[in-house]
């Protein structure tokens, strides 16, 4: 078959044009791949040979009001493993267990960590000792997926002395990772687990960095450094608190290892928390890198509940410290004056209906005024004052004074006090005929259906120490204090109350616990213990100097007996803060 020369030439031109078009398309594809999309493919190729190793960021340093360190970061070591599968990880850890001590629980925990984040190195030891690191370095060639690196470790120089408010840190849990509050967090990161560490987590955490290691096709590390420029972690700004670390140490030393309860010290004008301690406490440094099982077991089985914050979580009958709420309501509403006497003098008890209500002093106090009743904590006087006020108004007054509300302190898990919301509370609890007005007698002296936190009582006394405005307790420094008016008394009434409260320590239930050269105003209390009526709780809440208060202190001693014991601790705390030498020598009488 023959073709015309023109046909051959035409077909040759078409073929040439087709080849040219193909070459143009190929060149365009090469240009797009090699030039326009170069960074994308470079990143993809590097991803295949590089693995990201997180560089933990140091948490913010926490300081007290004078610039002393409460929480800091110290150098530590972490050990992690790169593994392609969970089975290979388990096999590697079993071999690793022949070199360093690794329990079966640690291996299973590491496998769970791997499954949560298979693309990240799996932490084996979050806080490895130098000895373990030295041993692993000697055997490093036997474990090509092993990553050993320095990591900042949280440290609390004062240990247990600050645990009540600073909390501790630990590895983020699966439940936390699933919650919206921890959006953006990754498995293996450390987060605050209590106290300030948890409350201010967003301000304390830093920005994690990244370093890159080169791996082979099996995921084994072939180059540990220099594979790509590191992204350095970023540290957050420091957190400044209102805590006075010297005062905090003094409070802790007063409780020692034997007393249990809680104490808080506030600036009455601003609400600044100067000290806060719950006893017994725990060592937050033991939680870093994973708490030892035996220590955790000891904490959780201790009947004294060291993990339970007795200042903001535990609730106790406030006892006679609450009599100031009864007195304040009566004064504000014109029901009584500080010079008023009650119809029935105190002879050691008070008959109401078919019940006899005892006074703490079986000898009685006689016919006394409200001011004197505060000094000697006469129950019989306040029984009658409670009846004069009435159950409806007394309950409503307690609600108005904030005894049902949390203080708003900047710590997590604060408990709300327990107090009736209205008289209908009794109808629902006991039935319309299951109670009578005798409940007002117990309520008037801080017993009955009334359980307060140590912090809530301290907050109320900031109002007594100022002009009727209570201050919200605040640990971390803020620009403006938060204050709220809860009652309004005249200057004469306020002065009279403060004189009566000063008399508590000079000639009343805390006689002898006054500090020479310093007028302390306060109120003792001995509250019945629902679990064991023979072991009462000891209370004291007060402030000083009485004429121009600079500190409010609330102390509650579980099973402490009479309030004078708590007053002794409070006087020492106040004297230390105001730099006055205490000279208390006389033991106060027992009071109710």
Protein backbone atom coordinates (compact mmCIF):
# COMPACT_ATOMS: atom_id res chain seq x y z
CA UNK A 1 0.00 0.00 0.00
CA UNK A 2 1.45 3.36 -1.00
CA UNK A 3 0.84 6.83 0.44
CA UNK A 4 0.91 10.09 -1.29
CA UNK A 5 3.96 12.15 -0.25
CA UNK A 6 1.68 14.89 1.04
CA UNK A 7 -0.11 12.41 3.32
CA UNK A 8 3.21 11.23 4.77
CA UNK A 9 4.28 14.81 5.43
CA UNK A 10 0.96 15.68 7.05
CA UNK A 11 1.04 12.61 9.29
CA UNK A 12 4.60 13.43 10.28
CA UNK A 13 3.56 16.93 11.29
CA UNK A 14 0.67 15.58 13.41
CA UNK A 15 2.99 13.10 15.14
CA UNK A 16 5.53 15.84 15.77
CA UNK A 17 2.88 18.07 17.26
CA UNK A 18 1.58 15.22 19.44
CA UNK A 19 5.06 14.50 20.75
CA UNK A 20 5.65 18.18 21.39
CA UNK A 21 2.37 18.44 23.32
CA UNK A 22 3.28 15.38 25.36
CA UNK A 23 6.67 16.83 26.19
CA UNK A 24 5.03 20.14 27.18
CA UNK A 25 2.61 18.30 29.48
CA UNK A 26 5.44 16.30 31.02
CA UNK A 27 7.54 19.41 31.52
CA UNK A 28 4.57 21.16 33.14
CA UNK A 29 4.00 18.24 35.47
CA UNK A 30 7.71 18.13 36.33
CA UNK A 31 7.70 21.89 36.97
CA UNK A 32 4.65 21.68 39.19
CA UNK A 33 6.09 18.76 41.15
CA UNK A 34 9.66 20.01 41.38
CA UNK A 35 9.00 23.73 41.82
CA UNK A 36 5.43 24.67 42.68
CA UNK A 37 4.69 21.74 45.02
CA UNK A 38 8.24 21.12 46.14
CA UNK A 39 7.64 22.01 49.82
CA UNK A 40 4.62 19.69 50.02
CA UNK A 41 6.50 16.67 48.75
CA UNK A 42 9.59 17.51 50.77
CA UNK A 43 7.43 17.59 53.89
CA UNK A 44 5.79 14.29 52.94
CA UNK A 45 9.13 12.62 52.35
CA UNK A 46 10.53 14.01 55.57
CA UNK A 47 7.45 12.82 57.43
CA UNK A 48 8.20 9.33 56.23
CA UNK A 49 11.74 9.47 57.63
CA UNK A 50 11.33 11.94 60.54
CA UNK A 51 9.42 11.51 63.76
CA UNK A 52 8.31 14.35 66.01
CA UNK A 53 9.50 14.13 69.61
CA UNK A 54 7.65 16.58 71.89
CA UNK A 55 9.74 18.94 73.99
CA UNK A 56 7.75 19.59 77.18
CA UNK A 57 7.36 23.24 78.08
CA UNK A 58 8.16 24.39 81.61
CA UNK A 59 5.13 25.50 83.61
CA UNK A 60 4.92 29.03 84.93
CA UNK A 61 6.77 29.72 88.15
CA UNK A 62 4.46 30.55 91.07
CA UNK A 63 5.61 33.22 93.54
CA UNK A 64 4.34 34.44 96.89
CA UNK A 65 3.55 38.12 97.59
CA UNK A 66 7.23 38.84 98.34
CA UNK A 67 8.72 37.11 95.29
CA UNK A 68 9.62 33.82 96.98
CA UNK A 69 9.19 30.65 94.93
CA UNK A 70 6.20 28.44 95.66
CA UNK A 71 6.42 26.25 92.53
CA UNK A 72 9.28 26.01 90.06
CA UNK A 73 10.79 23.73 87.42
CA UNK A 74 13.97 21.68 87.86
CA UNK A 75 15.88 19.56 85.32
CA UNK A 76 14.68 16.00 84.94
CA UNK A 77 14.81 13.09 82.50
CA UNK A 78 12.15 11.28 80.56
CA UNK A 79 12.40 7.96 78.73
CA UNK A 80 10.14 7.18 75.80
CA UNK A 81 10.00 4.69 72.93
CA UNK A 82 9.17 4.89 69.23
CA UNK A 83 7.43 1.73 68.08
CA UNK A 84 5.50 0.89 64.88
CA UNK A 85 2.87 -1.29 66.62
CA UNK A 86 1.56 -2.02 70.09
CA UNK A 87 2.92 -5.58 69.89
CA UNK A 88 6.41 -4.40 69.00
CA UNK A 89 6.22 -1.89 71.88
CA UNK A 90 5.26 -4.63 74.33
CA UNK A 91 8.07 -6.85 73.09
CA UNK A 92 10.61 -4.02 73.38
CA UNK A 93 9.50 -3.19 76.91
CA UNK A 94 9.84 -6.80 77.99
CA UNK A 95 13.43 -6.77 76.76
CA UNK A 96 13.93 -3.38 78.38
CA UNK A 97 12.68 -4.86 81.65
CA UNK A 98 15.76 -7.07 81.70
CA UNK A 99 17.94 -3.96 81.94
CA UNK A 100 15.92 -1.68 84.22
CA UNK A 101 13.06 -2.48 86.63
CA UNK A 102 9.74 -2.37 84.76
CA UNK A 103 6.61 -3.87 86.26
CA UNK A 104 3.80 -5.48 84.29
CA UNK A 105 1.56 -2.55 85.25
CA UNK A 106 4.06 -0.07 83.80
CA UNK A 107 4.18 -2.03 80.55
CA UNK A 108 0.40 -2.11 80.23
CA UNK A 109 0.19 1.61 81.04
CA UNK A 110 2.70 2.32 78.27
CA UNK A 111 0.64 0.27 75.81
CA UNK A 112 -2.47 2.25 76.71
CA UNK A 113 -0.52 5.46 76.16
CA UNK A 114 0.57 4.21 72.75
CA UNK A 115 -2.99 3.45 71.70
CA UNK A 116 -4.10 6.96 72.68
CA UNK A 117 -1.36 8.56 70.56
CA UNK A 118 0.38 6.07 68.22
CA UNK A 119 2.15 8.83 66.30
CA UNK A 120 3.89 10.24 69.37
CA UNK A 121 6.73 8.66 71.34
CA UNK A 122 5.31 6.56 74.16
CA UNK A 123 6.45 7.69 77.60
CA UNK A 124 7.87 4.87 79.70
CA UNK A 125 9.38 6.82 82.58
CA UNK A 126 8.17 10.41 82.93
CA UNK A 127 10.62 11.10 85.76
CA UNK A 128 13.64 8.84 85.35
CA UNK A 129 16.50 8.96 87.84
CA UNK A 130 20.03 9.73 86.75
CA UNK A 131 21.08 6.15 87.59
CA UNK A 132 18.45 4.66 85.27
CA UNK A 133 19.37 7.08 82.51
CA UNK A 134 23.04 6.10 82.87
CA UNK A 135 22.20 2.40 82.55
CA UNK A 136 20.04 2.98 79.48
CA UNK A 137 22.72 5.05 77.79
CA UNK A 138 25.11 2.12 78.15
CA UNK A 139 22.61 -0.19 76.41
CA UNK A 140 21.28 2.30 73.90
CA UNK A 141 22.41 0.35 70.82
CA UNK A 142 20.26 -2.57 71.96
CA UNK A 143 17.13 -0.42 71.83
CA UNK A 144 17.13 1.68 68.63
CA UNK A 145 13.65 3.10 69.32
CA UNK A 146 14.65 4.49 72.70
CA UNK A 147 14.51 8.27 73.28
CA UNK A 148 16.12 9.77 76.36
CA UNK A 149 15.83 13.51 76.86
CA UNK A 150 15.93 16.16 79.53
CA UNK A 151 12.54 17.54 80.58
CA UNK A 152 11.50 20.20 83.09
CA UNK A 153 10.12 18.66 86.28
CA UNK A 154 7.70 20.45 88.62
CA UNK A 155 9.13 21.08 92.05
CA UNK A 156 7.70 22.62 95.23
CA UNK A 157 10.55 23.80 97.50
CA UNK A 158 8.28 23.85 100.57
CA UNK A 159 6.63 20.54 99.69
CA UNK A 160 3.75 19.65 101.98
CA UNK A 161 3.61 23.15 103.47
CA UNK A 162 2.02 24.55 100.29
CA UNK A 163 0.06 21.53 99.08
CA UNK A 164 -3.28 22.73 100.48
CA UNK A 165 -3.49 25.58 97.99
CA UNK A 166 -0.97 24.86 95.23
CA UNK A 167 -2.13 21.30 94.40
CA UNK A 168 0.02 19.12 92.16
CA UNK A 169 0.48 18.03 88.53
CA UNK A 170 0.07 14.69 86.78
CA UNK A 171 -0.37 13.09 83.40
CA UNK A 172 -3.55 13.98 81.58
CA UNK A 173 -6.14 11.20 81.70
CA UNK A 174 -8.32 9.78 78.95
CA UNK A 175 -11.39 11.41 80.50
CA UNK A 176 -9.67 14.80 80.52
CA UNK A 177 -8.54 14.39 76.91
CA UNK A 178 -12.16 13.74 75.94
CA UNK A 179 -13.47 16.84 77.75
CA UNK A 180 -13.88 20.23 76.11
CA UNK A 181 -11.92 21.89 78.92
CA UNK A 182 -8.72 20.23 77.65
CA UNK A 183 -9.20 20.81 73.95
CA UNK A 184 -5.82 20.91 72.17
CA UNK A 185 -4.01 18.80 74.77
CA UNK A 186 -2.19 15.63 73.78
CA UNK A 187 -1.67 12.31 75.50
CA UNK A 188 1.28 12.24 77.87
CA UNK A 189 1.20 15.94 78.74
CA UNK A 190 1.28 17.09 82.36
CA UNK A 191 -1.68 19.09 83.71
CA UNK A 192 -2.74 20.56 87.04
CA UNK A 193 -4.62 18.12 89.24
CA UNK A 194 -5.60 20.31 92.17
CA UNK A 195 -5.24 23.70 93.80
CA UNK A 196 -3.76 26.57 91.83
CA UNK A 197 -2.19 24.12 89.38
CA UNK A 198 -5.67 23.12 88.24
CA UNK A 199 -7.51 26.41 88.73
CA UNK A 200 -4.99 28.35 86.62
CA UNK A 201 -4.01 25.58 84.20
CA UNK A 202 -4.48 27.80 81.13
CA UNK A 203 -2.07 30.39 82.56
CA UNK A 204 0.46 27.94 83.92
CA UNK A 205 0.95 25.67 80.90
CA UNK A 206 3.58 26.55 78.32
CA UNK A 207 3.66 25.87 74.59
CA UNK A 208 5.14 22.49 73.75
CA UNK A 209 8.12 22.38 71.40
CA UNK A 210 9.26 19.70 68.95
CA UNK A 211 12.50 18.07 67.99
CA UNK A 212 12.91 15.64 65.11
CA UNK A 213 14.67 12.29 64.94
CA UNK A 214 15.39 10.31 61.77
CA UNK A 215 14.06 6.76 61.56
CA UNK A 216 14.41 3.90 59.11
CA UNK A 217 11.62 1.93 57.43
CA UNK A 218 11.09 -0.08 60.61
CA UNK A 219 10.73 3.03 62.75
CA UNK A 220 14.12 2.64 64.42
CA UNK A 221 15.99 5.81 65.29
CA UNK A 222 19.04 6.22 63.04
CA UNK A 223 19.81 9.87 63.85
CA UNK A 224 18.89 11.44 67.17
CA UNK A 225 19.84 15.07 66.54
CA UNK A 226 20.25 17.45 63.64
CA UNK A 227 17.67 15.85 61.37
CA UNK A 228 15.76 19.13 61.27
CA UNK A 229 15.75 22.38 63.23
CA UNK A 230 13.99 22.06 66.59
CA UNK A 231 10.93 24.09 67.53
CA UNK A 232 11.74 25.28 71.03
CA UNK A 233 9.12 25.22 73.80
CA UNK A 234 7.81 28.49 75.18
CA UNK A 235 7.51 29.27 78.88
CA UNK A 236 4.52 31.27 80.21
CA UNK A 237 4.69 34.36 82.40
CA UNK A 238 5.02 33.84 86.18
CA UNK A 239 1.98 33.68 88.44
CA UNK A 240 2.05 35.96 91.49
CA UNK A 241 -0.03 35.15 94.55
CA UNK A 242 -1.07 36.91 97.76
CA UNK A 243 0.39 34.16 99.92
CA UNK A 244 2.90 35.19 102.59
CA UNK A 245 5.23 32.18 102.56
CA UNK A 246 6.72 33.01 105.97
CA UNK A 247 3.24 33.10 107.50
CA UNK A 248 2.28 29.91 105.67
CA UNK A 249 5.27 28.10 107.16
CA UNK A 250 4.35 29.34 110.63
CA UNK A 251 0.77 28.07 110.29
CA UNK A 252 2.00 24.66 109.17
CA UNK A 253 4.43 24.46 112.08
CA UNK A 254 1.64 25.26 114.57
CA UNK A 255 -0.45 22.33 113.35
CA UNK A 256 2.56 20.04 113.28
CA UNK A 257 1.97 16.33 112.72
CA UNK A 258 -0.68 15.83 115.39
CA UNK A 259 -3.42 18.45 114.95
CA UNK A 260 -6.00 18.10 112.21
CA UNK A 261 -8.26 20.78 110.83
CA UNK A 262 -7.76 23.93 108.83
CA UNK A 263 -6.77 27.58 108.99
CA UNK A 264 -6.99 30.57 106.69
CA UNK A 265 -5.66 34.12 107.03
CA UNK A 266 -7.11 37.00 104.99
CA UNK A 267 -6.58 40.69 104.46
CA UNK A 268 -10.04 42.01 105.48
CA UNK A 269 -9.98 44.93 103.03
CA UNK A 270 -8.96 43.05 99.88
CA UNK A 271 -9.68 39.39 100.61
CA UNK A 272 -6.06 38.51 99.85
CA UNK A 273 -5.37 35.01 101.16
CA UNK A 274 -2.21 35.34 103.22
CA UNK A 275 -2.07 31.69 104.30
CA UNK A 276 -4.20 28.56 103.89
CA UNK A 277 -3.50 25.18 105.42
CA UNK A 278 -5.40 21.92 105.75
CA UNK A 279 -3.98 19.35 108.16
CA UNK A 280 -2.82 16.72 107.68
CA UNK A 281 -1.52 17.37 104.22
CA UNK A 282 0.54 15.58 101.57
CA UNK A 283 3.78 16.07 99.65
CA UNK A 284 2.98 17.24 96.08
CA UNK A 285 6.53 16.37 94.98
CA UNK A 286 5.67 12.68 95.41
CA UNK A 287 3.06 12.99 92.64
CA UNK A 288 5.55 14.13 89.99
CA UNK A 289 6.23 11.47 87.36
CA UNK A 290 3.59 9.15 88.84
CA UNK A 291 2.76 8.66 92.50
CA UNK A 292 4.14 5.50 94.16
CA UNK A 293 1.37 2.98 94.80
CA UNK A 294 2.17 2.60 98.49
CA UNK A 295 2.10 6.37 99.07
CA UNK A 296 -1.21 6.72 97.25
CA UNK A 297 -2.67 3.86 99.27
CA UNK A 298 -1.51 5.48 102.50
CA UNK A 299 -3.15 8.79 101.55
CA UNK A 300 -6.47 7.29 100.48
CA UNK A 301 -6.81 4.99 103.51
CA UNK A 302 -5.78 7.56 106.14
CA UNK A 303 -8.91 8.30 108.24
CA UNK A 304 -7.67 11.88 108.71
CA UNK A 305 -8.27 12.48 104.97
CA UNK A 306 -5.11 14.33 103.94
CA UNK A 307 -6.36 14.79 100.36
CA UNK A 308 -9.55 16.53 101.57
CA UNK A 309 -9.16 20.29 101.92
CA UNK A 310 -10.64 21.08 105.33
CA UNK A 311 -10.65 24.84 104.66
CA UNK A 312 -12.82 24.93 101.54
CA UNK A 313 -14.38 21.46 101.26
CA UNK A 314 -15.14 20.20 104.77
CA UNK A 315 -18.25 21.57 106.50
CA UNK A 316 -18.65 21.81 110.26
CA UNK A 317 -21.22 23.28 112.64
CA UNK A 318 -19.77 26.76 113.27
CA UNK A 319 -20.72 26.72 116.95
CA UNK A 320 -20.49 29.96 118.87
CA UNK A 321 -18.55 31.74 116.12
CA UNK A 322 -21.97 31.99 114.42
CA UNK A 323 -23.46 33.88 117.38
CA UNK A 324 -22.07 37.04 115.78
CA UNK A 325 -24.41 36.46 112.83
CA UNK A 326 -27.34 36.22 115.26
CA UNK A 327 -26.18 39.34 117.09
CA UNK A 328 -25.57 41.30 113.88
CA UNK A 329 -29.04 40.54 112.55
CA UNK A 330 -30.64 41.58 115.86
CA UNK A 331 -28.68 44.86 115.95
CA UNK A 332 -29.32 45.73 112.30
CA UNK A 333 -33.07 45.17 112.62
CA UNK A 334 -33.51 46.89 116.00
CA UNK A 335 -34.47 43.67 117.77
CA UNK A 336 -31.82 44.14 120.47
CA UNK A 337 -29.04 46.47 121.51
CA UNK A 338 -25.67 45.61 122.99
CA UNK A 339 -26.97 46.72 126.42
CA UNK A 340 -30.17 44.65 126.34
CA UNK A 341 -30.75 41.83 128.83
CA UNK A 342 -33.02 38.83 128.29
CA UNK A 343 -36.08 38.07 130.48
CA UNK A 344 -34.62 34.85 131.90
CA UNK A 345 -31.14 35.02 133.47
CA UNK A 346 -28.70 32.22 132.77
CA UNK A 347 -28.56 29.65 135.56
CA UNK A 348 -26.91 26.94 133.50
CA UNK A 349 -29.79 26.16 131.17
CA UNK A 350 -33.11 27.22 129.65
CA UNK A 351 -36.45 25.45 129.77
CA UNK A 352 -38.41 25.59 126.52
CA UNK A 353 -41.53 23.47 126.34
CA UNK A 354 -40.72 20.02 127.61
CA UNK A 355 -37.02 20.31 126.81
CA UNK A 356 -34.18 21.73 128.85
CA UNK A 357 -31.46 23.40 126.77
CA UNK A 358 -28.10 23.52 128.54
CA UNK A 359 -25.60 26.34 128.59
CA UNK A 360 -21.96 25.37 128.20
CA UNK A 361 -21.32 26.68 131.72
CA UNK A 362 -23.46 24.68 134.19
CA UNK A 363 -22.97 27.42 136.83
CA UNK A 364 -24.64 29.97 134.56
CA UNK A 365 -23.78 33.57 133.69
CA UNK A 366 -26.56 35.40 135.46
CA UNK A 367 -28.38 38.42 134.07
CA UNK A 368 -26.08 39.86 131.36
CA UNK A 369 -26.14 42.16 128.34
CA UNK A 370 -25.66 41.14 124.72
CA UNK A 371 -22.10 42.52 124.80
CA UNK A 372 -21.26 40.38 127.82
CA UNK A 373 -23.05 37.38 126.32
CA UNK A 374 -20.68 37.61 123.35
CA UNK A 375 -17.66 37.75 125.67
CA UNK A 376 -18.65 34.71 127.73
CA UNK A 377 -20.56 32.98 124.90
CA UNK A 378 -23.72 32.52 126.96
CA UNK A 379 -25.98 29.99 125.23
CA UNK A 380 -29.03 30.88 127.32
CA UNK A 381 -28.87 34.51 126.22
CA UNK A 382 -28.70 33.51 122.54
CA UNK A 383 -31.49 30.93 122.93
CA UNK A 384 -33.77 33.77 123.95
CA UNK A 385 -32.40 36.14 121.32
CA UNK A 386 -33.11 33.50 118.68
CA UNK A 387 -36.71 33.20 119.92
CA UNK A 388 -37.04 36.97 119.84
CA UNK A 389 -35.84 37.10 116.24
CA UNK A 390 -38.00 34.14 115.17
CA UNK A 391 -37.18 31.20 112.94
CA UNK A 392 -38.34 32.87 109.70
CA UNK A 393 -36.23 35.97 110.19
CA UNK A 394 -33.22 34.09 111.54
CA UNK A 395 -33.16 31.77 108.54
CA UNK A 396 -33.71 34.68 106.17
CA UNK A 397 -30.93 36.63 107.87
CA UNK A 398 -28.50 33.74 107.49
CA UNK A 399 -29.33 33.49 103.79
CA UNK A 400 -28.87 37.26 103.36
CA UNK A 401 -25.49 37.07 105.09
CA UNK A 402 -24.30 34.54 102.49
CA UNK A 403 -24.19 31.42 104.66
CA UNK A 404 -25.56 29.29 101.82
CA UNK A 405 -23.09 30.53 99.22
CA UNK A 406 -19.56 29.51 98.30
CA UNK A 407 -16.95 32.15 99.02
CA UNK A 408 -15.75 32.19 95.41
CA UNK A 409 -12.13 31.54 96.40
CA UNK A 410 -9.98 30.79 93.35
CA UNK A 411 -9.49 27.10 94.11
CA UNK A 412 -11.34 24.17 92.51
CA UNK A 413 -13.95 21.99 94.21
CA UNK A 414 -15.07 24.42 96.90
CA UNK A 415 -18.10 23.14 98.84
CA UNK A 416 -21.18 25.26 99.43
CA UNK A 417 -22.17 25.64 103.11
CA UNK A 418 -25.27 23.87 104.40
CA UNK A 419 -28.00 26.17 105.70
CA UNK A 420 -31.83 26.23 105.39
CA UNK A 421 -33.08 28.14 102.37
CA UNK A 422 -36.34 29.01 104.19
CA UNK A 423 -38.70 27.62 106.82
CA UNK A 424 -40.07 25.35 104.11
CA UNK A 425 -36.78 23.44 104.44
CA UNK A 426 -38.01 22.08 107.78
CA UNK A 427 -41.43 21.22 106.36
CA UNK A 428 -39.85 19.18 103.60
CA UNK A 429 -37.32 17.48 105.84
CA UNK A 430 -39.40 16.72 108.90
CA UNK A 431 -42.95 17.18 107.67
CA UNK A 432 -45.24 20.10 108.68
CA UNK A 433 -45.83 18.57 112.14
CA UNK A 434 -42.43 16.98 112.61
CA UNK A 435 -40.75 20.05 114.01
CA UNK A 436 -41.46 23.14 116.11
CA UNK A 437 -39.90 26.52 116.79
CA UNK A 438 -37.38 24.97 119.18
CA UNK A 439 -35.10 24.53 116.16
CA UNK A 440 -34.39 28.25 116.40
CA UNK A 441 -32.59 27.73 119.73
CA UNK A 442 -29.96 25.48 118.18
CA UNK A 443 -29.72 27.61 115.06
CA UNK A 444 -29.10 30.76 117.11
CA UNK A 445 -25.96 29.27 118.67
CA UNK A 446 -24.48 27.82 115.46
CA UNK A 447 -25.76 24.26 115.80
CA UNK A 448 -28.60 22.40 114.16
CA UNK A 449 -29.07 22.60 110.40
CA UNK A 450 -25.98 24.71 109.85
CA UNK A 451 -22.60 23.56 108.55
CA UNK A 452 -20.02 26.05 107.30
CA UNK A 453 -16.56 25.89 105.77
CA UNK A 454 -13.60 27.54 107.46
CA UNK A 455 -13.36 29.89 104.47
CA UNK A 456 -17.02 30.95 104.72
CA UNK A 457 -16.64 31.89 108.39
CA UNK A 458 -13.48 33.87 107.63
CA UNK A 459 -15.31 35.71 104.84
CA UNK A 460 -18.11 36.75 107.24
CA UNK A 461 -15.61 38.09 109.74
CA UNK A 462 -14.03 40.33 107.07
CA UNK A 463 -17.36 42.19 107.18
CA UNK A 464 -17.14 42.47 110.99
CA UNK A 465 -13.57 43.71 110.62
CA UNK A 466 -14.51 46.46 108.16
CA UNK A 467 -17.84 48.20 107.67
CA UNK A 468 -20.24 45.39 106.85
CA UNK A 469 -18.74 44.56 103.45
CA UNK A 470 -17.23 41.10 103.12
CA UNK A 471 -14.33 40.44 100.77
CA UNK A 472 -14.03 37.48 98.41
CA UNK A 473 -10.97 35.37 99.34
CA UNK A 474 -8.42 35.49 96.56
CA UNK A 475 -5.10 33.64 96.31
CA UNK A 476 -3.77 34.94 92.98
CA UNK A 477 -3.09 38.65 92.79
CA UNK A 478 -5.85 40.67 91.13
CA UNK A 479 -6.23 44.32 90.20
CA UNK A 480 -9.35 45.12 92.23
CA UNK A 481 -10.80 43.35 95.29
CA UNK A 482 -14.33 41.95 95.10
CA UNK A 483 -16.47 43.16 98.00
CA UNK A 484 -20.17 42.90 98.81
CA UNK A 485 -22.21 44.55 101.55
CA UNK A 486 -23.99 42.01 103.77
CA UNK A 487 -25.14 44.19 106.68
CA UNK A 488 -25.32 47.83 107.70
CA UNK A 489 -24.60 48.89 111.29
CA UNK A 490 -23.91 52.28 112.75
CA UNK A 491 -20.41 53.25 113.86
CA UNK A 492 -21.54 52.96 117.47
CA UNK A 493 -22.84 49.45 116.92
CA UNK A 494 -19.67 48.38 115.10
CA UNK A 495 -17.47 49.79 117.85
CA UNK A 496 -19.56 48.00 120.48
CA UNK A 497 -19.28 44.67 118.66
CA UNK A 498 -15.52 45.02 118.37
CA UNK A 499 -15.19 45.86 122.07
CA UNK A 500 -17.21 42.76 122.91
CA UNK A 501 -15.05 40.62 120.60
CA UNK A 502 -11.92 42.07 122.19
CA UNK A 503 -13.36 41.17 125.58
CA UNK A 504 -13.52 37.52 124.48
CA UNK A 505 -9.71 37.42 124.71
CA UNK A 506 -9.29 39.62 127.78
CA UNK A 507 -12.07 38.48 130.12
CA UNK A 508 -14.12 35.96 128.19
CA UNK A 509 -13.85 32.43 126.77
CA UNK A 510 -10.37 32.99 125.35
CA UNK A 511 -8.99 34.91 128.32
CA UNK A 512 -5.23 34.71 128.34
CA UNK A 513 -4.86 34.27 124.57
CA UNK A 514 -4.60 38.02 123.99
CA UNK A 515 -1.21 39.22 122.77
CA UNK A 516 0.55 41.84 124.87
CA UNK A 517 0.45 45.20 123.16
CA UNK A 518 -2.08 44.08 120.54
CA UNK A 519 -5.88 44.13 120.74
CA UNK A 520 -7.28 41.01 119.07
CA UNK A 521 -11.02 40.75 118.48
CA UNK A 522 -12.53 37.34 117.94
CA UNK A 523 -14.94 34.59 118.92
CA UNK A 524 -14.38 31.07 120.15
CA UNK A 525 -16.63 28.14 119.43
CA UNK A 526 -16.99 24.50 120.47
CA UNK A 527 -19.12 22.72 117.90
CA UNK A 528 -20.76 19.35 118.40
CA UNK A 529 -19.34 16.59 116.27
CA UNK A 530 -22.20 14.61 114.66
CA UNK A 531 -20.00 11.50 114.43
CA UNK A 532 -18.87 11.58 118.07
CA UNK A 533 -20.62 14.04 120.46
CA UNK A 534 -17.89 13.50 123.07
CA UNK A 535 -15.26 15.02 120.79
CA UNK A 536 -16.19 18.60 119.92
CA UNK A 537 -14.53 20.70 117.24
CA UNK A 538 -12.69 23.83 118.35
CA UNK A 539 -13.20 27.11 116.49
CA UNK A 540 -11.79 30.60 116.62
CA UNK A 541 -12.35 33.41 114.14
CA UNK A 542 -10.91 36.86 114.79
CA UNK A 543 -9.06 39.89 113.52
CA UNK A 544 -6.46 42.41 114.62
CA UNK A 545 -5.70 45.13 115.44
CA UNK A 546 -9.27 45.48 116.68
CA UNK A 547 -9.50 49.22 115.87
CA UNK A 548 -7.91 48.96 112.43
CA UNK A 549 -7.85 45.30 111.31
CA UNK A 550 -5.13 44.14 108.94
CA UNK A 551 -5.66 40.39 109.19
CA UNK A 552 -8.58 37.99 109.74
CA UNK A 553 -7.79 34.45 110.90
CA UNK A 554 -10.10 31.45 111.12
CA UNK A 555 -8.89 28.26 112.80
CA UNK A 556 -10.85 25.01 113.15
CA UNK A 557 -9.41 22.01 115.02
CA UNK A 558 -11.17 18.71 114.53
CA UNK A 559 -11.83 17.11 117.94
CA UNK A 560 -9.99 20.09 119.46
CA UNK A 561 -12.29 20.51 122.45
CA UNK A 562 -12.98 24.08 123.52
CA UNK A 563 -12.36 27.09 121.33
CA UNK A 564 -9.48 28.36 123.43
CA UNK A 565 -7.19 25.83 121.77
CA UNK A 566 -8.00 27.29 118.35
CA UNK A 567 -7.65 30.83 119.76
CA UNK A 568 -4.11 30.04 120.87
CA UNK A 569 -3.11 29.12 117.32
CA UNK A 570 -4.91 32.14 115.85
CA UNK A 571 -3.18 34.53 118.26
CA UNK A 572 0.21 33.12 117.26
CA UNK A 573 -0.64 33.53 113.56
CA UNK A 574 -1.80 37.12 114.06
CA UNK A 575 1.21 38.00 116.21
CA UNK A 576 3.61 36.59 113.63
CA UNK A 577 2.02 38.52 110.77
CA UNK A 578 1.90 41.78 112.71
CA UNK A 579 5.39 41.11 114.13
CA UNK A 580 4.32 41.14 117.78
CA UNK A 581 5.63 38.69 120.39
CA UNK A 582 2.75 36.68 121.93
CA UNK A 583 2.66 36.35 125.74
CA UNK A 584 -0.44 34.21 126.33
CA UNK A 585 -0.23 32.10 129.46
CA UNK A 586 -3.71 31.54 130.89
CA UNK A 587 -5.84 28.60 129.77
CA UNK A 588 -9.40 29.70 128.87
CA UNK A 589 -12.45 27.89 130.27
CA UNK A 590 -14.44 25.39 128.26
CA UNK A 591 -17.31 27.00 126.35
CA UNK A 592 -20.11 26.02 124.05
